[in-house]
Protein backbone atom coordinates (compact mmCIF):
# COMPACT_ATOMS: atom_id res chain seq x y z
CA UNK A 1 0.00 0.00 0.00
CA UNK A 2 2.87 2.36 0.78
CA UNK A 3 4.42 1.66 -2.62
CA UNK A 4 1.30 2.24 -4.67
CA UNK A 5 -0.23 5.07 -2.59
CA UNK A 6 2.81 6.99 -1.33
CA UNK A 7 5.25 5.79 -4.05
CA UNK A 8 7.91 5.00 -1.51
CA UNK A 9 9.46 2.08 0.37
CA UNK A 10 10.54 3.32 3.76
CA UNK A 11 12.97 6.16 3.08
CA UNK A 12 13.28 5.29 -0.64
CA UNK A 13 11.07 7.39 -2.94
CA UNK A 14 10.14 6.05 -6.38
CA UNK A 15 11.21 8.23 -9.33
CA UNK A 16 8.41 10.09 -11.15
CA UNK A 17 8.83 7.96 -14.28
CA UNK A 18 8.55 4.66 -12.36
CA UNK A 19 5.50 2.50 -13.11
CA UNK A 20 4.33 0.01 -10.49
CA UNK A 21 3.29 -3.40 -11.84
CA UNK A 22 2.23 -6.28 -9.60
CA UNK A 23 1.61 -9.95 -10.33
CA UNK A 24 -0.05 -12.56 -8.21
CA UNK A 25 -1.91 -15.86 -8.17
CA UNK A 26 -5.68 -16.13 -8.26
CA UNK A 27 -7.25 -16.72 -4.86
CA UNK A 28 -9.09 -19.79 -6.21
CA UNK A 29 -5.76 -21.40 -7.13
CA UNK A 30 -5.04 -21.91 -3.43
CA UNK A 31 -1.43 -20.84 -3.94
CA UNK A 32 -0.98 -19.01 -0.66
CA UNK A 33 -2.62 -15.82 -1.91
CA UNK A 34 -5.63 -13.89 -0.63
CA UNK A 35 -8.03 -11.45 -2.25
CA UNK A 36 -6.38 -8.06 -2.65
CA UNK A 37 -7.75 -5.36 -0.33
CA UNK A 38 -10.28 -3.10 -2.03
CA UNK A 39 -8.31 0.03 -1.14
CA UNK A 40 -5.28 -1.41 -2.88
CA UNK A 41 -7.06 -3.02 -5.81
CA UNK A 42 -8.78 0.20 -6.80
CA UNK A 43 -5.41 1.92 -7.10
CA UNK A 44 -4.28 -0.52 -9.79
CA UNK A 45 -5.55 0.01 -13.31
CA UNK A 46 -6.05 -2.04 -15.31
CA UNK A 47 -6.29 -5.40 -13.56
CA UNK A 48 -5.69 -8.18 -16.10
CA UNK A 49 -6.14 -11.92 -16.00
CA UNK A 50 -3.30 -13.53 -17.96
CA UNK A 51 -3.50 -17.11 -19.20
CA UNK A 52 -1.10 -18.42 -21.84
CA UNK A 53 -2.65 -19.90 -24.97
CA UNK A 54 -1.39 -23.13 -26.49
CA UNK A 55 -0.09 -21.35 -29.61
CA UNK A 56 1.68 -18.65 -27.57
CA UNK A 57 3.38 -21.26 -25.42
CA UNK A 58 4.45 -23.38 -28.42
CA UNK A 59 5.92 -20.33 -30.18
CA UNK A 60 7.82 -19.31 -27.04
CA UNK A 61 9.00 -22.87 -26.38
CA UNK A 62 10.27 -23.25 -29.95
CA UNK A 63 12.12 -19.93 -29.86
CA UNK A 64 13.80 -20.71 -26.54
CA UNK A 65 14.85 -24.29 -27.33
CA UNK A 66 12.46 -26.36 -25.22
CA UNK A 67 12.61 -30.13 -25.52
CA UNK A 68 11.05 -30.99 -28.91
CA UNK A 69 9.05 -33.94 -27.54
CA UNK A 70 7.29 -31.69 -25.05
CA UNK A 71 6.53 -29.10 -27.74
CA UNK A 72 5.22 -31.80 -30.11
CA UNK A 73 3.01 -33.28 -27.38
CA UNK A 74 1.45 -29.93 -26.54
CA UNK A 75 1.00 -28.97 -30.19
CA UNK A 76 -0.44 -32.34 -31.27
CA UNK A 77 -2.36 -33.62 -28.27
CA UNK A 78 -3.26 -30.97 -25.72
CA UNK A 79 -5.93 -28.30 -25.86
CA UNK A 80 -4.23 -25.98 -23.36
CA UNK A 81 -1.12 -25.48 -21.25
CA UNK A 82 -2.80 -24.79 -17.91
CA UNK A 83 -4.91 -27.61 -16.54
CA UNK A 84 -5.10 -28.40 -12.86
CA UNK A 85 -7.39 -28.78 -9.88
CA UNK A 86 -5.95 -26.93 -6.85
CA UNK A 87 -7.56 -29.50 -4.55
CA UNK A 88 -5.41 -32.29 -5.98
CA UNK A 89 -2.03 -32.99 -4.40
CA UNK A 90 -0.23 -34.43 -7.44
CA UNK A 91 1.54 -32.76 -10.33
CA UNK A 92 -0.28 -30.95 -13.09
CA UNK A 93 0.30 -29.36 -16.48
CA UNK A 94 1.34 -25.71 -16.54
CA UNK A 95 4.03 -23.71 -18.35
CA UNK A 96 6.30 -24.26 -15.36
CA UNK A 97 5.81 -28.02 -15.17
CA UNK A 98 6.10 -28.38 -18.94
CA UNK A 99 9.51 -26.74 -18.70
CA UNK A 100 10.45 -29.11 -15.88
CA UNK A 101 9.29 -32.07 -17.98
CA UNK A 102 11.51 -30.85 -20.81
CA UNK A 103 14.53 -30.62 -18.53
CA UNK A 104 13.88 -34.18 -17.32
CA UNK A 105 13.59 -35.48 -20.87
CA UNK A 106 16.86 -33.86 -21.88
CA UNK A 107 18.65 -35.06 -18.75
CA UNK A 108 17.64 -38.68 -19.46
CA UNK A 109 18.30 -38.54 -23.22
CA UNK A 110 14.59 -38.65 -24.14
CA UNK A 111 14.44 -42.33 -23.11
CA UNK A 112 10.80 -43.13 -22.17
CA UNK A 113 11.86 -46.48 -20.74
CA UNK A 114 14.20 -44.97 -18.14
CA UNK A 115 12.54 -45.60 -14.73
CA UNK A 116 14.00 -42.43 -13.19
CA UNK A 117 12.61 -40.33 -16.04
CA UNK A 118 9.21 -42.02 -15.74
CA UNK A 119 9.09 -41.36 -11.99
CA UNK A 120 10.09 -37.73 -12.48
CA UNK A 121 7.47 -37.12 -15.15
CA UNK A 122 4.73 -38.67 -13.02
CA UNK A 123 5.72 -36.35 -10.17
CA UNK A 124 5.79 -33.26 -12.38
CA UNK A 125 2.81 -33.80 -14.70
CA UNK A 126 0.56 -36.04 -12.62
CA UNK A 127 -0.43 -39.62 -13.35
CA UNK A 128 -2.79 -39.29 -16.31
CA UNK A 129 -0.87 -36.61 -18.22
CA UNK A 130 2.50 -38.29 -17.61
CA UNK A 131 1.12 -41.59 -18.91
CA UNK A 132 -0.27 -39.86 -21.99
CA UNK A 133 2.98 -37.99 -22.61
CA UNK A 134 5.12 -41.13 -22.30
CA UNK A 135 2.82 -43.02 -24.67
CA UNK A 136 3.14 -40.13 -27.14
CA UNK A 137 6.95 -40.19 -26.91
CA UNK A 138 7.06 -43.96 -27.47
CA UNK A 139 4.85 -43.55 -30.51
CA UNK A 140 6.98 -40.76 -31.96
CA UNK A 141 10.17 -42.77 -31.35
CA UNK A 142 8.77 -45.67 -33.38
CA UNK A 143 7.61 -43.47 -36.26
CA UNK A 144 9.93 -43.09 -39.26
CA UNK A 145 11.00 -39.55 -40.05
CA UNK A 146 9.95 -38.23 -43.44
CA UNK A 147 13.60 -37.58 -44.34
CA UNK A 148 14.30 -41.29 -43.70
CA UNK A 149 11.49 -42.29 -46.05
CA UNK A 150 12.66 -40.08 -48.88
CA UNK A 151 16.37 -40.91 -48.51
CA UNK A 152 16.32 -44.49 -47.16
CA UNK A 153 13.00 -46.00 -48.23
CA UNK A 154 14.25 -49.58 -47.86
CA UNK A 155 15.40 -49.18 -44.26
CA UNK A 156 12.97 -46.62 -42.80
CA UNK A 157 10.84 -48.20 -40.08
CA UNK A 158 7.64 -49.92 -41.16
CA UNK A 159 4.93 -49.64 -38.49
CA UNK A 160 1.84 -51.46 -39.68
CA UNK A 161 -0.04 -50.73 -36.44
CA UNK A 162 0.51 -46.98 -36.91
CA UNK A 163 -0.55 -46.72 -40.54
CA UNK A 164 -2.95 -43.85 -39.82
CA UNK A 165 -0.17 -41.80 -38.21
CA UNK A 166 2.19 -42.52 -41.12
CA UNK A 167 -0.57 -41.52 -43.54
CA UNK A 168 -1.03 -38.18 -41.81
CA UNK A 169 2.73 -37.57 -41.88
CA UNK A 170 2.97 -38.40 -45.61
CA UNK A 171 -0.06 -36.28 -46.40
CA UNK A 172 1.55 -33.28 -44.74
CA UNK A 173 5.08 -33.70 -46.13
CA UNK A 174 5.11 -35.73 -49.35
CA UNK A 175 6.49 -34.00 -52.48
CA UNK A 176 6.25 -35.04 -56.13
CA UNK A 177 10.04 -35.14 -56.47
CA UNK A 178 10.17 -37.80 -53.72
CA UNK A 179 7.44 -39.97 -55.25
CA UNK A 180 9.68 -42.88 -56.27
CA UNK A 181 11.16 -43.21 -52.79
CA UNK A 182 7.71 -42.89 -51.21
CA UNK A 183 6.38 -45.59 -53.51
CA UNK A 184 9.25 -47.91 -52.54
CA UNK A 185 8.55 -47.32 -48.85
CA UNK A 186 4.79 -47.83 -49.22
CA UNK A 187 5.44 -51.09 -51.09
CA UNK A 188 6.85 -52.62 -47.89
CA UNK A 189 3.41 -52.50 -46.22
CA UNK A 190 0.57 -55.01 -46.57
CA UNK A 191 -1.91 -54.28 -49.41
CA UNK A 192 -4.56 -52.82 -47.09
CA UNK A 193 -2.06 -50.44 -45.51
CA UNK A 194 -0.67 -49.51 -48.94
CA UNK A 195 -4.15 -48.47 -50.03
CA UNK A 196 -4.58 -46.23 -46.98
CA UNK A 197 -1.13 -44.67 -47.40
CA UNK A 198 -1.60 -43.95 -51.11
CA UNK A 199 -5.02 -42.42 -50.46
CA UNK A 200 -3.38 -39.97 -48.03
CA UNK A 201 -0.93 -38.59 -50.59
CA UNK A 202 -1.50 -35.10 -52.05
CA UNK A 203 -3.37 -34.98 -55.35
CA UNK A 204 -0.21 -34.04 -57.27
CA UNK A 205 1.48 -37.31 -56.30
CA UNK A 206 -1.49 -39.39 -57.36
CA UNK A 207 -0.52 -38.73 -61.00
CA UNK A 208 3.12 -39.82 -60.65
CA UNK A 209 3.81 -42.91 -62.82
CA UNK A 210 5.11 -44.98 -59.91
CA UNK A 211 2.08 -44.19 -57.77
CA UNK A 212 -0.29 -44.76 -60.69
CA UNK A 213 1.26 -48.19 -61.29
CA UNK A 214 0.89 -49.16 -57.64
CA UNK A 215 -2.70 -47.94 -57.58
CA UNK A 216 -3.41 -50.15 -60.59
CA UNK A 217 -1.78 -53.16 -58.94
CA UNK A 218 -3.94 -52.62 -55.84
CA UNK A 219 -7.09 -52.14 -57.91
CA UNK A 220 -7.64 -48.62 -56.60
C-alpha atoms as a PDB file:
ATOM      1  CA  UNK A   1       0.000   0.000   0.000  1.00  0.00           C
ATOM      2  CA  UNK A   2       2.875   2.355   0.778  1.00  0.00           C
ATOM      3  CA  UNK A   3       4.425   1.658  -2.621  1.00  0.00           C
ATOM      4  CA  UNK A   4       1.296   2.238  -4.666  1.00  0.00           C
ATOM      5  CA  UNK A   5      -0.227   5.065  -2.591  1.00  0.00           C
ATOM      6  CA  UNK A   6       2.807   6.991  -1.326  1.00  0.00           C
ATOM      7  CA  UNK A   7       5.246   5.786  -4.046  1.00  0.00           C
ATOM      8  CA  UNK A   8       7.909   5.004  -1.506  1.00  0.00           C
ATOM      9  CA  UNK A   9       9.456   2.079   0.367  1.00  0.00           C
ATOM     10  CA  UNK A  10      10.542   3.315   3.758  1.00  0.00           C
ATOM     11  CA  UNK A  11      12.974   6.165   3.083  1.00  0.00           C
ATOM     12  CA  UNK A  12      13.282   5.289  -0.636  1.00  0.00           C
ATOM     13  CA  UNK A  13      11.070   7.387  -2.942  1.00  0.00           C
ATOM     14  CA  UNK A  14      10.136   6.053  -6.384  1.00  0.00           C
ATOM     15  CA  UNK A  15      11.207   8.233  -9.335  1.00  0.00           C
ATOM     16  CA  UNK A  16       8.415  10.092 -11.148  1.00  0.00           C
ATOM     17  CA  UNK A  17       8.831   7.956 -14.283  1.00  0.00           C
ATOM     18  CA  UNK A  18       8.551   4.660 -12.357  1.00  0.00           C
ATOM     19  CA  UNK A  19       5.502   2.497 -13.111  1.00  0.00           C
ATOM     20  CA  UNK A  20       4.335   0.007 -10.485  1.00  0.00           C
ATOM     21  CA  UNK A  21       3.294  -3.402 -11.840  1.00  0.00           C
ATOM     22  CA  UNK A  22       2.233  -6.279  -9.598  1.00  0.00           C
ATOM     23  CA  UNK A  23       1.609  -9.948 -10.330  1.00  0.00           C
ATOM     24  CA  UNK A  24      -0.048 -12.564  -8.206  1.00  0.00           C
ATOM     25  CA  UNK A  25      -1.908 -15.855  -8.170  1.00  0.00           C
ATOM     26  CA  UNK A  26      -5.677 -16.126  -8.259  1.00  0.00           C
ATOM     27  CA  UNK A  27      -7.246 -16.720  -4.861  1.00  0.00           C
ATOM     28  CA  UNK A  28      -9.087 -19.786  -6.207  1.00  0.00           C
ATOM     29  CA  UNK A  29      -5.757 -21.397  -7.133  1.00  0.00           C
ATOM     30  CA  UNK A  30      -5.038 -21.910  -3.432  1.00  0.00           C
ATOM     31  CA  UNK A  31      -1.430 -20.843  -3.937  1.00  0.00           C
ATOM     32  CA  UNK A  32      -0.977 -19.012  -0.665  1.00  0.00           C
ATOM     33  CA  UNK A  33      -2.622 -15.821  -1.915  1.00  0.00           C
ATOM     34  CA  UNK A  34      -5.630 -13.894  -0.633  1.00  0.00           C
ATOM     35  CA  UNK A  35      -8.028 -11.447  -2.247  1.00  0.00           C
ATOM     36  CA  UNK A  36      -6.380  -8.057  -2.648  1.00  0.00           C
ATOM     37  CA  UNK A  37      -7.745  -5.364  -0.327  1.00  0.00           C
ATOM     38  CA  UNK A  38     -10.277  -3.104  -2.028  1.00  0.00           C
ATOM     39  CA  UNK A  39      -8.310   0.026  -1.139  1.00  0.00           C
ATOM     40  CA  UNK A  40      -5.278  -1.409  -2.879  1.00  0.00           C
ATOM     41  CA  UNK A  41      -7.059  -3.024  -5.806  1.00  0.00           C
ATOM     42  CA  UNK A  42      -8.784   0.202  -6.802  1.00  0.00           C
ATOM     43  CA  UNK A  43      -5.408   1.918  -7.104  1.00  0.00           C
ATOM     44  CA  UNK A  44      -4.283  -0.521  -9.789  1.00  0.00           C
ATOM     45  CA  UNK A  45      -5.552   0.015 -13.312  1.00  0.00           C
ATOM     46  CA  UNK A  46      -6.051  -2.042 -15.312  1.00  0.00           C
ATOM     47  CA  UNK A  47      -6.291  -5.398 -13.562  1.00  0.00           C
ATOM     48  CA  UNK A  48      -5.691  -8.175 -16.098  1.00  0.00           C
ATOM     49  CA  UNK A  49      -6.138 -11.922 -16.003  1.00  0.00           C
ATOM     50  CA  UNK A  50      -3.304 -13.527 -17.960  1.00  0.00           C
ATOM     51  CA  UNK A  51      -3.505 -17.108 -19.205  1.00  0.00           C
ATOM     52  CA  UNK A  52      -1.100 -18.422 -21.841  1.00  0.00           C
ATOM     53  CA  UNK A  53      -2.650 -19.905 -24.969  1.00  0.00           C
ATOM     54  CA  UNK A  54      -1.387 -23.128 -26.488  1.00  0.00           C
ATOM     55  CA  UNK A  55      -0.088 -21.352 -29.610  1.00  0.00           C
ATOM     56  CA  UNK A  56       1.681 -18.653 -27.574  1.00  0.00           C
ATOM     57  CA  UNK A  57       3.381 -21.258 -25.424  1.00  0.00           C
ATOM     58  CA  UNK A  58       4.451 -23.378 -28.422  1.00  0.00           C
ATOM     59  CA  UNK A  59       5.924 -20.328 -30.179  1.00  0.00           C
ATOM     60  CA  UNK A  60       7.818 -19.306 -27.036  1.00  0.00           C
ATOM     61  CA  UNK A  61       9.004 -22.869 -26.385  1.00  0.00           C
ATOM     62  CA  UNK A  62      10.271 -23.253 -29.947  1.00  0.00           C
ATOM     63  CA  UNK A  63      12.121 -19.930 -29.858  1.00  0.00           C
ATOM     64  CA  UNK A  64      13.804 -20.713 -26.538  1.00  0.00           C
ATOM     65  CA  UNK A  65      14.848 -24.289 -27.327  1.00  0.00           C
ATOM     66  CA  UNK A  66      12.459 -26.356 -25.222  1.00  0.00           C
ATOM     67  CA  UNK A  67      12.608 -30.129 -25.523  1.00  0.00           C
ATOM     68  CA  UNK A  68      11.051 -30.993 -28.913  1.00  0.00           C
ATOM     69  CA  UNK A  69       9.055 -33.937 -27.545  1.00  0.00           C
ATOM     70  CA  UNK A  70       7.291 -31.687 -25.045  1.00  0.00           C
ATOM     71  CA  UNK A  71       6.527 -29.105 -27.741  1.00  0.00           C
ATOM     72  CA  UNK A  72       5.224 -31.800 -30.107  1.00  0.00           C
ATOM     73  CA  UNK A  73       3.010 -33.278 -27.376  1.00  0.00           C
ATOM     74  CA  UNK A  74       1.451 -29.931 -26.539  1.00  0.00           C
ATOM     75  CA  UNK A  75       0.999 -28.974 -30.191  1.00  0.00           C
ATOM     76  CA  UNK A  76      -0.437 -32.336 -31.269  1.00  0.00           C
ATOM     77  CA  UNK A  77      -2.363 -33.621 -28.267  1.00  0.00           C
ATOM     78  CA  UNK A  78      -3.257 -30.970 -25.723  1.00  0.00           C
ATOM     79  CA  UNK A  79      -5.928 -28.299 -25.864  1.00  0.00           C
ATOM     80  CA  UNK A  80      -4.230 -25.983 -23.357  1.00  0.00           C
ATOM     81  CA  UNK A  81      -1.118 -25.479 -21.250  1.00  0.00           C
ATOM     82  CA  UNK A  82      -2.802 -24.788 -17.913  1.00  0.00           C
ATOM     83  CA  UNK A  83      -4.910 -27.614 -16.539  1.00  0.00           C
ATOM     84  CA  UNK A  84      -5.097 -28.397 -12.855  1.00  0.00           C
ATOM     85  CA  UNK A  85      -7.393 -28.780  -9.877  1.00  0.00           C
ATOM     86  CA  UNK A  86      -5.945 -26.927  -6.853  1.00  0.00           C
ATOM     87  CA  UNK A  87      -7.562 -29.502  -4.552  1.00  0.00           C
ATOM     88  CA  UNK A  88      -5.407 -32.291  -5.983  1.00  0.00           C
ATOM     89  CA  UNK A  89      -2.029 -32.995  -4.399  1.00  0.00           C
ATOM     90  CA  UNK A  90      -0.228 -34.430  -7.436  1.00  0.00           C
ATOM     91  CA  UNK A  91       1.544 -32.764 -10.326  1.00  0.00           C
ATOM     92  CA  UNK A  92      -0.283 -30.953 -13.093  1.00  0.00           C
ATOM     93  CA  UNK A  93       0.304 -29.361 -16.483  1.00  0.00           C
ATOM     94  CA  UNK A  94       1.337 -25.707 -16.541  1.00  0.00           C
ATOM     95  CA  UNK A  95       4.035 -23.705 -18.353  1.00  0.00           C
ATOM     96  CA  UNK A  96       6.301 -24.264 -15.360  1.00  0.00           C
ATOM     97  CA  UNK A  97       5.814 -28.024 -15.167  1.00  0.00           C
ATOM     98  CA  UNK A  98       6.103 -28.376 -18.945  1.00  0.00           C
ATOM     99  CA  UNK A  99       9.511 -26.737 -18.702  1.00  0.00           C
ATOM    100  CA  UNK A 100      10.447 -29.111 -15.881  1.00  0.00           C
ATOM    101  CA  UNK A 101       9.294 -32.075 -17.980  1.00  0.00           C
ATOM    102  CA  UNK A 102      11.507 -30.849 -20.815  1.00  0.00           C
ATOM    103  CA  UNK A 103      14.533 -30.618 -18.530  1.00  0.00           C
ATOM    104  CA  UNK A 104      13.880 -34.181 -17.322  1.00  0.00           C
ATOM    105  CA  UNK A 105      13.585 -35.478 -20.875  1.00  0.00           C
ATOM    106  CA  UNK A 106      16.860 -33.857 -21.883  1.00  0.00           C
ATOM    107  CA  UNK A 107      18.652 -35.064 -18.746  1.00  0.00           C
ATOM    108  CA  UNK A 108      17.642 -38.677 -19.462  1.00  0.00           C
ATOM    109  CA  UNK A 109      18.302 -38.541 -23.224  1.00  0.00           C
ATOM    110  CA  UNK A 110      14.592 -38.654 -24.144  1.00  0.00           C
ATOM    111  CA  UNK A 111      14.436 -42.327 -23.112  1.00  0.00           C
ATOM    112  CA  UNK A 112      10.797 -43.127 -22.174  1.00  0.00           C
ATOM    113  CA  UNK A 113      11.863 -46.485 -20.738  1.00  0.00           C
ATOM    114  CA  UNK A 114      14.198 -44.965 -18.136  1.00  0.00           C
ATOM    115  CA  UNK A 115      12.540 -45.596 -14.735  1.00  0.00           C
ATOM    116  CA  UNK A 116      13.997 -42.427 -13.188  1.00  0.00           C
ATOM    117  CA  UNK A 117      12.609 -40.329 -16.039  1.00  0.00           C
ATOM    118  CA  UNK A 118       9.213 -42.024 -15.742  1.00  0.00           C
ATOM    119  CA  UNK A 119       9.091 -41.359 -11.987  1.00  0.00           C
ATOM    120  CA  UNK A 120      10.094 -37.735 -12.477  1.00  0.00           C
ATOM    121  CA  UNK A 121       7.469 -37.123 -15.154  1.00  0.00           C
ATOM    122  CA  UNK A 122       4.730 -38.667 -13.017  1.00  0.00           C
ATOM    123  CA  UNK A 123       5.717 -36.353 -10.174  1.00  0.00           C
ATOM    124  CA  UNK A 124       5.792 -33.262 -12.382  1.00  0.00           C
ATOM    125  CA  UNK A 125       2.814 -33.800 -14.695  1.00  0.00           C
ATOM    126  CA  UNK A 126       0.564 -36.042 -12.616  1.00  0.00           C
ATOM    127  CA  UNK A 127      -0.427 -39.621 -13.354  1.00  0.00           C
ATOM    128  CA  UNK A 128      -2.787 -39.292 -16.315  1.00  0.00           C
ATOM    129  CA  UNK A 129      -0.867 -36.607 -18.216  1.00  0.00           C
ATOM    130  CA  UNK A 130       2.495 -38.287 -17.608  1.00  0.00           C
ATOM    131  CA  UNK A 131       1.120 -41.587 -18.911  1.00  0.00           C
ATOM    132  CA  UNK A 132      -0.274 -39.861 -21.991  1.00  0.00           C
ATOM    133  CA  UNK A 133       2.978 -37.992 -22.612  1.00  0.00           C
ATOM    134  CA  UNK A 134       5.124 -41.130 -22.301  1.00  0.00           C
ATOM    135  CA  UNK A 135       2.817 -43.019 -24.672  1.00  0.00           C
ATOM    136  CA  UNK A 136       3.142 -40.135 -27.139  1.00  0.00           C
ATOM    137  CA  UNK A 137       6.952 -40.195 -26.905  1.00  0.00           C
ATOM    138  CA  UNK A 138       7.063 -43.958 -27.467  1.00  0.00           C
ATOM    139  CA  UNK A 139       4.848 -43.547 -30.513  1.00  0.00           C
ATOM    140  CA  UNK A 140       6.979 -40.761 -31.961  1.00  0.00           C
ATOM    141  CA  UNK A 141      10.169 -42.775 -31.351  1.00  0.00           C
ATOM    142  CA  UNK A 142       8.767 -45.666 -33.379  1.00  0.00           C
ATOM    143  CA  UNK A 143       7.613 -43.471 -36.256  1.00  0.00           C
ATOM    144  CA  UNK A 144       9.932 -43.089 -39.263  1.00  0.00           C
ATOM    145  CA  UNK A 145      10.998 -39.546 -40.054  1.00  0.00           C
ATOM    146  CA  UNK A 146       9.954 -38.230 -43.439  1.00  0.00           C
ATOM    147  CA  UNK A 147      13.596 -37.584 -44.338  1.00  0.00           C
ATOM    148  CA  UNK A 148      14.301 -41.286 -43.703  1.00  0.00           C
ATOM    149  CA  UNK A 149      11.488 -42.292 -46.046  1.00  0.00           C
ATOM    150  CA  UNK A 150      12.657 -40.077 -48.883  1.00  0.00           C
ATOM    151  CA  UNK A 151      16.370 -40.910 -48.514  1.00  0.00           C
ATOM    152  CA  UNK A 152      16.324 -44.493 -47.161  1.00  0.00           C
ATOM    153  CA  UNK A 153      12.996 -46.003 -48.225  1.00  0.00           C
ATOM    154  CA  UNK A 154      14.250 -49.578 -47.865  1.00  0.00           C
ATOM    155  CA  UNK A 155      15.405 -49.179 -44.264  1.00  0.00           C
ATOM    156  CA  UNK A 156      12.970 -46.618 -42.802  1.00  0.00           C
ATOM    157  CA  UNK A 157      10.836 -48.201 -40.080  1.00  0.00           C
ATOM    158  CA  UNK A 158       7.636 -49.925 -41.158  1.00  0.00           C
ATOM    159  CA  UNK A 159       4.933 -49.640 -38.486  1.00  0.00           C
ATOM    160  CA  UNK A 160       1.836 -51.457 -39.676  1.00  0.00           C
ATOM    161  CA  UNK A 161      -0.039 -50.734 -36.438  1.00  0.00           C
ATOM    162  CA  UNK A 162       0.514 -46.982 -36.911  1.00  0.00           C
ATOM    163  CA  UNK A 163      -0.548 -46.716 -40.538  1.00  0.00           C
ATOM    164  CA  UNK A 164      -2.945 -43.851 -39.823  1.00  0.00           C
ATOM    165  CA  UNK A 165      -0.170 -41.800 -38.211  1.00  0.00           C
ATOM    166  CA  UNK A 166       2.194 -42.517 -41.119  1.00  0.00           C
ATOM    167  CA  UNK A 167      -0.571 -41.525 -43.541  1.00  0.00           C
ATOM    168  CA  UNK A 168      -1.029 -38.176 -41.813  1.00  0.00           C
ATOM    169  CA  UNK A 169       2.728 -37.571 -41.882  1.00  0.00           C
ATOM    170  CA  UNK A 170       2.973 -38.401 -45.610  1.00  0.00           C
ATOM    171  CA  UNK A 171      -0.058 -36.278 -46.403  1.00  0.00           C
ATOM    172  CA  UNK A 172       1.545 -33.281 -44.740  1.00  0.00           C
ATOM    173  CA  UNK A 173       5.077 -33.700 -46.129  1.00  0.00           C
ATOM    174  CA  UNK A 174       5.108 -35.729 -49.349  1.00  0.00           C
ATOM    175  CA  UNK A 175       6.491 -34.005 -52.478  1.00  0.00           C
ATOM    176  CA  UNK A 176       6.248 -35.036 -56.132  1.00  0.00           C
ATOM    177  CA  UNK A 177      10.036 -35.141 -56.471  1.00  0.00           C
ATOM    178  CA  UNK A 178      10.171 -37.803 -53.724  1.00  0.00           C
ATOM    179  CA  UNK A 179       7.436 -39.969 -55.249  1.00  0.00           C
ATOM    180  CA  UNK A 180       9.681 -42.884 -56.272  1.00  0.00           C
ATOM    181  CA  UNK A 181      11.164 -43.208 -52.787  1.00  0.00           C
ATOM    182  CA  UNK A 182       7.714 -42.888 -51.208  1.00  0.00           C
ATOM    183  CA  UNK A 183       6.377 -45.594 -53.512  1.00  0.00           C
ATOM    184  CA  UNK A 184       9.247 -47.914 -52.543  1.00  0.00           C
ATOM    185  CA  UNK A 185       8.550 -47.322 -48.855  1.00  0.00           C
ATOM    186  CA  UNK A 186       4.791 -47.831 -49.217  1.00  0.00           C
ATOM    187  CA  UNK A 187       5.437 -51.091 -51.087  1.00  0.00           C
ATOM    188  CA  UNK A 188       6.852 -52.617 -47.893  1.00  0.00           C
ATOM    189  CA  UNK A 189       3.412 -52.500 -46.216  1.00  0.00           C
ATOM    190  CA  UNK A 190       0.569 -55.013 -46.569  1.00  0.00           C
ATOM    191  CA  UNK A 191      -1.911 -54.278 -49.406  1.00  0.00           C
ATOM    192  CA  UNK A 192      -4.564 -52.824 -47.091  1.00  0.00           C
ATOM    193  CA  UNK A 193      -2.055 -50.435 -45.514  1.00  0.00           C
ATOM    194  CA  UNK A 194      -0.675 -49.510 -48.938  1.00  0.00           C
ATOM    195  CA  UNK A 195      -4.155 -48.473 -50.035  1.00  0.00           C
ATOM    196  CA  UNK A 196      -4.583 -46.228 -46.983  1.00  0.00           C
ATOM    197  CA  UNK A 197      -1.130 -44.668 -47.405  1.00  0.00           C
ATOM    198  CA  UNK A 198      -1.603 -43.949 -51.106  1.00  0.00           C
ATOM    199  CA  UNK A 199      -5.017 -42.416 -50.457  1.00  0.00           C
ATOM    200  CA  UNK A 200      -3.378 -39.969 -48.025  1.00  0.00           C
ATOM    201  CA  UNK A 201      -0.928 -38.589 -50.588  1.00  0.00           C
ATOM    202  CA  UNK A 202      -1.496 -35.103 -52.046  1.00  0.00           C
ATOM    203  CA  UNK A 203      -3.367 -34.980 -55.350  1.00  0.00           C
ATOM    204  CA  UNK A 204      -0.210 -34.038 -57.268  1.00  0.00           C
ATOM    205  CA  UNK A 205       1.479 -37.312 -56.304  1.00  0.00           C
ATOM    206  CA  UNK A 206      -1.490 -39.388 -57.361  1.00  0.00           C
ATOM    207  CA  UNK A 207      -0.521 -38.729 -60.996  1.00  0.00           C
ATOM    208  CA  UNK A 208       3.122 -39.823 -60.646  1.00  0.00           C
ATOM    209  CA  UNK A 209       3.813 -42.911 -62.823  1.00  0.00           C
ATOM    210  CA  UNK A 210       5.110 -44.984 -59.909  1.00  0.00           C
ATOM    211  CA  UNK A 211       2.078 -44.185 -57.767  1.00  0.00           C
ATOM    212  CA  UNK A 212      -0.290 -44.759 -60.688  1.00  0.00           C
ATOM    213  CA  UNK A 213       1.255 -48.191 -61.285  1.00  0.00           C
ATOM    214  CA  UNK A 214       0.893 -49.157 -57.641  1.00  0.00           C
ATOM    215  CA  UNK A 215      -2.696 -47.943 -57.579  1.00  0.00           C
ATOM    216  CA  UNK A 216      -3.406 -50.150 -60.592  1.00  0.00           C
ATOM    217  CA  UNK A 217      -1.784 -53.164 -58.943  1.00  0.00           C
ATOM    218  CA  UNK A 218      -3.936 -52.615 -55.841  1.00  0.00           C
ATOM    219  CA  UNK A 219      -7.093 -52.139 -57.908  1.00  0.00           C
ATOM    220  CA  UNK A 220      -7.645 -48.615 -56.604  1.00  0.00           C
END
